[in-house]
Amino acid sequence: MSPAMTNAAITLTSEVESVLGSLSDLLDIESDAVQASDFDAFRNLQNDKFALMTRYRALMETLTHQAPFLKQAGDTVVGRITTATERLQASTKRNALMLESGRNSMQRIVDRIVRAARETVHADRQSYNRNGRSHNGGGTLSIRVDEVL
């Protein structure tokens, strides 16, 4: 392989490693935010995550076209990409588990709120009008749930 192609393969490998490492770090941070129920941190990561995923896709396309040159560059180059890919896969797996766990937790909270509201209504055998007042002349019914925008 020519020195120019070797340099191009090494440069591409370095960029792929960098993007895979950054994406792995971001997914780890996102997983920690979900685990800690830090919705602001989670929301703030989404633009960076989208940008890194876009760059990742473009690099993978380039890497596919450059595969023959990378193989000629040696086992070290391929090993570096393999190591970065394995880390990304581990981060992705953990992230998927955390997101599913977070979704299930939110669903349980919503289900409890709905169940509590139904039990309250059925226990007293009263219903509420549009203003949240009971037909029996009681005060307003107010239930507040924090929202993630």
C-alpha atoms as a PDB file:
ATOM      1  CA  MET A   1       0.000   0.000   0.000  1.00  0.00           C
ATOM      2  CA  SER A   2       1.267   3.459  -0.835  1.00  0.00           C
ATOM      3  CA  PRO A   3       2.271   5.782   2.001  1.00  0.00           C
ATOM      4  CA  ALA A   4      -0.586   8.135   1.066  1.00  0.00           C
ATOM      5  CA  MET A   5      -3.170   5.350   1.377  1.00  0.00           C
ATOM      6  CA  THR A   6      -1.632   4.197   4.648  1.00  0.00           C
ATOM      7  CA  ASN A   7      -1.900   7.734   6.023  1.00  0.00           C
ATOM      8  CA  ALA A   8      -5.502   7.999   4.794  1.00  0.00           C
ATOM      9  CA  ALA A   9      -6.390   4.684   6.467  1.00  0.00           C
ATOM     10  CA  ILE A  10      -4.765   5.766   9.734  1.00  0.00           C
ATOM     11  CA  THR A  11      -6.542   9.140   9.616  1.00  0.00           C
ATOM     12  CA  LEU A  12      -9.896   7.460   8.933  1.00  0.00           C
ATOM     13  CA  THR A  13      -9.266   4.983  11.748  1.00  0.00           C
ATOM     14  CA  SER A  14      -8.500   7.807  14.170  1.00  0.00           C
ATOM     15  CA  GLU A  15     -11.658   9.664  13.217  1.00  0.00           C
ATOM     16  CA  VAL A  16     -13.779   6.510  13.509  1.00  0.00           C
ATOM     17  CA  GLU A  17     -12.259   5.801  16.931  1.00  0.00           C
ATOM     18  CA  SER A  18     -12.943   9.351  18.052  1.00  0.00           C
ATOM     19  CA  VAL A  19     -16.583   9.337  16.953  1.00  0.00           C
ATOM     20  CA  LEU A  20     -17.219   5.863  18.384  1.00  0.00           C
ATOM     21  CA  GLY A  21     -15.617   6.909  21.670  1.00  0.00           C
ATOM     22  CA  SER A  22     -17.627  10.135  21.848  1.00  0.00           C
ATOM     23  CA  LEU A  23     -20.842   8.314  21.015  1.00  0.00           C
ATOM     24  CA  SER A  24     -20.109   5.652  23.656  1.00  0.00           C
ATOM     25  CA  ASP A  25     -19.429   8.377  26.245  1.00  0.00           C
ATOM     26  CA  LEU A  26     -22.637  10.189  25.350  1.00  0.00           C
ATOM     27  CA  LEU A  27     -24.712   7.000  25.589  1.00  0.00           C
ATOM     28  CA  ASP A  28     -23.151   6.256  28.992  1.00  0.00           C
ATOM     29  CA  ILE A  29     -24.027   9.767  30.205  1.00  0.00           C
ATOM     30  CA  GLU A  30     -27.567   9.399  28.841  1.00  0.00           C
ATOM     31  CA  SER A  31     -27.943   6.018  30.582  1.00  0.00           C
ATOM     32  CA  ASP A  32     -26.797   7.564  33.872  1.00  0.00           C
ATOM     33  CA  ALA A  33     -29.258  10.442  33.418  1.00  0.00           C
ATOM     34  CA  VAL A  34     -32.139   8.022  32.831  1.00  0.00           C
ATOM     35  CA  GLN A  35     -31.119   5.955  35.844  1.00  0.00           C
ATOM     36  CA  ALA A  36     -31.024   9.117  38.003  1.00  0.00           C
ATOM     37  CA  SER A  37     -34.299  10.422  36.487  1.00  0.00           C
ATOM     38  CA  ASP A  38     -32.456  13.561  35.367  1.00  0.00           C
ATOM     39  CA  PHE A  39     -34.816  14.575  32.578  1.00  0.00           C
ATOM     40  CA  ASP A  40     -33.080  17.897  31.887  1.00  0.00           C
ATOM     41  CA  ALA A  41     -29.731  16.207  31.288  1.00  0.00           C
ATOM     42  CA  PHE A  42     -31.418  13.585  29.110  1.00  0.00           C
ATOM     43  CA  ARG A  43     -33.162  16.225  27.009  1.00  0.00           C
ATOM     44  CA  ASN A  44     -29.981  18.303  26.647  1.00  0.00           C
ATOM     45  CA  LEU A  45     -28.087  15.337  25.175  1.00  0.00           C
ATOM     46  CA  GLN A  46     -30.435  14.685  22.272  1.00  0.00           C
ATOM     47  CA  ASN A  47     -29.027  17.216  19.771  1.00  0.00           C
ATOM     48  CA  ASP A  48     -25.467  16.005  20.374  1.00  0.00           C
ATOM     49  CA  LYS A  49     -26.614  12.403  20.078  1.00  0.00           C
ATOM     50  CA  PHE A  50     -28.284  13.112  16.735  1.00  0.00           C
ATOM     51  CA  ALA A  51     -25.182  14.917  15.413  1.00  0.00           C
ATOM     52  CA  LEU A  52     -22.868  12.092  16.467  1.00  0.00           C
ATOM     53  CA  MET A  53     -25.163   9.454  14.992  1.00  0.00           C
ATOM     54  CA  THR A  54     -25.232  11.346  11.693  1.00  0.00           C
ATOM     55  CA  ARG A  55     -21.434  11.542  11.647  1.00  0.00           C
ATOM     56  CA  TYR A  56     -21.214   7.859  12.648  1.00  0.00           C
ATOM     57  CA  ARG A  57     -23.390   6.811   9.690  1.00  0.00           C
ATOM     58  CA  ALA A  58     -21.297   8.850   7.256  1.00  0.00           C
ATOM     59  CA  LEU A  59     -18.068   7.368   8.613  1.00  0.00           C
ATOM     60  CA  MET A  60     -19.416   3.832   8.421  1.00  0.00           C
ATOM     61  CA  GLU A  61     -20.284   4.394   4.775  1.00  0.00           C
ATOM     62  CA  THR A  62     -16.780   5.671   4.103  1.00  0.00           C
ATOM     63  CA  LEU A  63     -15.301   2.803   6.090  1.00  0.00           C
ATOM     64  CA  THR A  64     -17.249   0.304   3.993  1.00  0.00           C
ATOM     65  CA  HIS A  65     -15.763   1.744   0.803  1.00  0.00           C
ATOM     66  CA  GLN A  66     -12.272   1.809   2.301  1.00  0.00           C
ATOM     67  CA  ALA A  67     -12.363  -1.739   3.731  1.00  0.00           C
ATOM     68  CA  PRO A  68      -9.775  -3.167   1.309  1.00  0.00           C
ATOM     69  CA  PHE A  69      -7.303  -0.397   2.162  1.00  0.00           C
ATOM     70  CA  LEU A  70      -7.874  -0.851   5.888  1.00  0.00           C
ATOM     71  CA  LYS A  71      -7.125  -4.563   5.645  1.00  0.00           C
ATOM     72  CA  GLN A  72      -3.855  -3.734   3.894  1.00  0.00           C
ATOM     73  CA  ALA A  73      -3.016  -1.232   6.635  1.00  0.00           C
ATOM     74  CA  GLY A  74      -2.602  -4.094   9.093  1.00  0.00           C
ATOM     75  CA  ASP A  75      -4.143  -5.761  12.104  1.00  0.00           C
ATOM     76  CA  THR A  76      -3.433  -2.800  14.372  1.00  0.00           C
ATOM     77  CA  VAL A  77      -5.780  -0.529  12.405  1.00  0.00           C
ATOM     78  CA  VAL A  78      -8.553  -3.132  12.268  1.00  0.00           C
ATOM     79  CA  GLY A  79      -8.015  -3.961  15.965  1.00  0.00           C
ATOM     80  CA  ARG A  80      -8.428  -0.326  16.977  1.00  0.00           C
ATOM     81  CA  ILE A  81     -11.736  -0.072  15.131  1.00  0.00           C
ATOM     82  CA  THR A  82     -12.883  -3.411  16.561  1.00  0.00           C
ATOM     83  CA  THR A  83     -12.113  -2.283  20.122  1.00  0.00           C
ATOM     84  CA  ALA A  84     -14.002   1.000  19.655  1.00  0.00           C
ATOM     85  CA  THR A  85     -16.945  -0.866  18.102  1.00  0.00           C
ATOM     86  CA  GLU A  86     -17.135  -3.332  20.989  1.00  0.00           C
ATOM     87  CA  ARG A  87     -17.245  -0.464  23.472  1.00  0.00           C
ATOM     88  CA  LEU A  88     -20.023   1.216  21.487  1.00  0.00           C
ATOM     89  CA  GLN A  89     -22.013  -2.028  21.440  1.00  0.00           C
ATOM     90  CA  ALA A  90     -21.709  -2.354  25.237  1.00  0.00           C
ATOM     91  CA  SER A  91     -22.787   1.279  25.727  1.00  0.00           C
ATOM     92  CA  THR A  92     -25.684   0.834  23.297  1.00  0.00           C
ATOM     93  CA  LYS A  93     -26.881  -2.302  25.073  1.00  0.00           C
ATOM     94  CA  ARG A  94     -26.791  -0.614  28.492  1.00  0.00           C
ATOM     95  CA  ASN A  95     -28.504   2.474  27.065  1.00  0.00           C
ATOM     96  CA  ALA A  96     -31.330   0.397  25.585  1.00  0.00           C
ATOM     97  CA  LEU A  97     -31.865  -1.342  28.936  1.00  0.00           C
ATOM     98  CA  MET A  98     -31.902   1.975  30.821  1.00  0.00           C
ATOM     99  CA  LEU A  99     -34.329   3.568  28.352  1.00  0.00           C
ATOM    100  CA  GLU A 100     -36.679   0.589  28.591  1.00  0.00           C
ATOM    101  CA  SER A 101     -36.443   0.646  32.380  1.00  0.00           C
ATOM    102  CA  GLY A 102     -37.172   4.396  32.406  1.00  0.00           C
ATOM    103  CA  ARG A 103     -40.151   3.937  30.094  1.00  0.00           C
ATOM    104  CA  ASN A 104     -41.521   1.175  32.312  1.00  0.00           C
ATOM    105  CA  SER A 105     -41.072   3.330  35.425  1.00  0.00           C
ATOM    106  CA  MET A 106     -42.937   6.236  33.847  1.00  0.00           C
ATOM    107  CA  GLN A 107     -45.737   3.895  32.771  1.00  0.00           C
ATOM    108  CA  ARG A 108     -46.058   2.565  36.337  1.00  0.00           C
ATOM    109  CA  ILE A 109     -46.323   6.132  37.668  1.00  0.00           C
ATOM    110  CA  VAL A 110     -49.026   7.013  35.147  1.00  0.00           C
ATOM    111  CA  ASP A 111     -50.895   3.785  35.924  1.00  0.00           C
ATOM    112  CA  ARG A 112     -50.800   4.542  39.677  1.00  0.00           C
ATOM    113  CA  ILE A 113     -52.126   8.059  39.157  1.00  0.00           C
ATOM    114  CA  VAL A 114     -54.963   6.809  36.967  1.00  0.00           C
ATOM    115  CA  ARG A 115     -55.761   3.991  39.400  1.00  0.00           C
ATOM    116  CA  ALA A 116     -55.752   6.382  42.390  1.00  0.00           C
ATOM    117  CA  ALA A 117     -58.036   8.829  40.591  1.00  0.00           C
ATOM    118  CA  ARG A 118     -60.458   6.051  39.639  1.00  0.00           C
ATOM    119  CA  GLU A 119     -60.466   4.586  43.141  1.00  0.00           C
ATOM    120  CA  THR A 120     -61.143   8.001  44.646  1.00  0.00           C
ATOM    121  CA  VAL A 121     -64.050   8.628  42.302  1.00  0.00           C
ATOM    122  CA  HIS A 122     -65.545   5.172  42.744  1.00  0.00           C
ATOM    123  CA  ALA A 123     -65.001   5.079  46.507  1.00  0.00           C
ATOM    124  CA  ASP A 124     -67.050   8.227  47.069  1.00  0.00           C
ATOM    125  CA  ARG A 125     -69.509   7.451  44.258  1.00  0.00           C
ATOM    126  CA  GLN A 126     -69.248  10.946  42.978  1.00  0.00           C
ATOM    127  CA  SER A 127     -68.225  12.432  39.693  1.00  0.00           C
ATOM    128  CA  TYR A 128     -66.669  15.733  38.809  1.00  0.00           C
ATOM    129  CA  ASN A 129     -67.687  18.457  36.400  1.00  0.00           C
ATOM    130  CA  ARG A 130     -65.431  20.372  34.013  1.00  0.00           C
ATOM    131  CA  ASN A 131     -64.274  22.746  36.745  1.00  0.00           C
ATOM    132  CA  GLY A 132     -63.042  19.885  38.912  1.00  0.00           C
ATOM    133  CA  ARG A 133     -65.831  20.275  41.437  1.00  0.00           C
ATOM    134  CA  SER A 134     -67.809  17.333  42.679  1.00  0.00           C
ATOM    135  CA  HIS A 135     -71.528  17.241  42.182  1.00  0.00           C
ATOM    136  CA  ASN A 136     -71.855  16.953  45.954  1.00  0.00           C
ATOM    137  CA  GLY A 137     -70.592  20.522  46.442  1.00  0.00           C
ATOM    138  CA  GLY A 138     -67.033  19.659  47.497  1.00  0.00           C
ATOM    139  CA  GLY A 139     -63.887  21.541  46.573  1.00  0.00           C
ATOM    140  CA  THR A 140     -61.906  21.218  43.417  1.00  0.00           C
ATOM    141  CA  LEU A 141     -60.008  18.107  42.494  1.00  0.00           C
ATOM    142  CA  SER A 142     -56.418  18.904  41.637  1.00  0.00           C
ATOM    143  CA  ILE A 143     -53.831  16.407  40.550  1.00  0.00           C
ATOM    144  CA  ARG A 144     -50.484  17.720  39.276  1.00  0.00           C
ATOM    145  CA  VAL A 145     -47.999  15.573  37.448  1.00  0.00           C
ATOM    146  CA  ASP A 146     -44.569  16.887  36.475  1.00  0.00           C
ATOM    147  CA  GLU A 147     -44.075  16.798  32.737  1.00  0.00           C
ATOM    148  CA  VAL A 148     -41.088  16.396  30.509  1.00  0.00           C
ATOM    149  CA  LEU A 149     -41.366  18.703  27.529  1.00  0.00           C
END
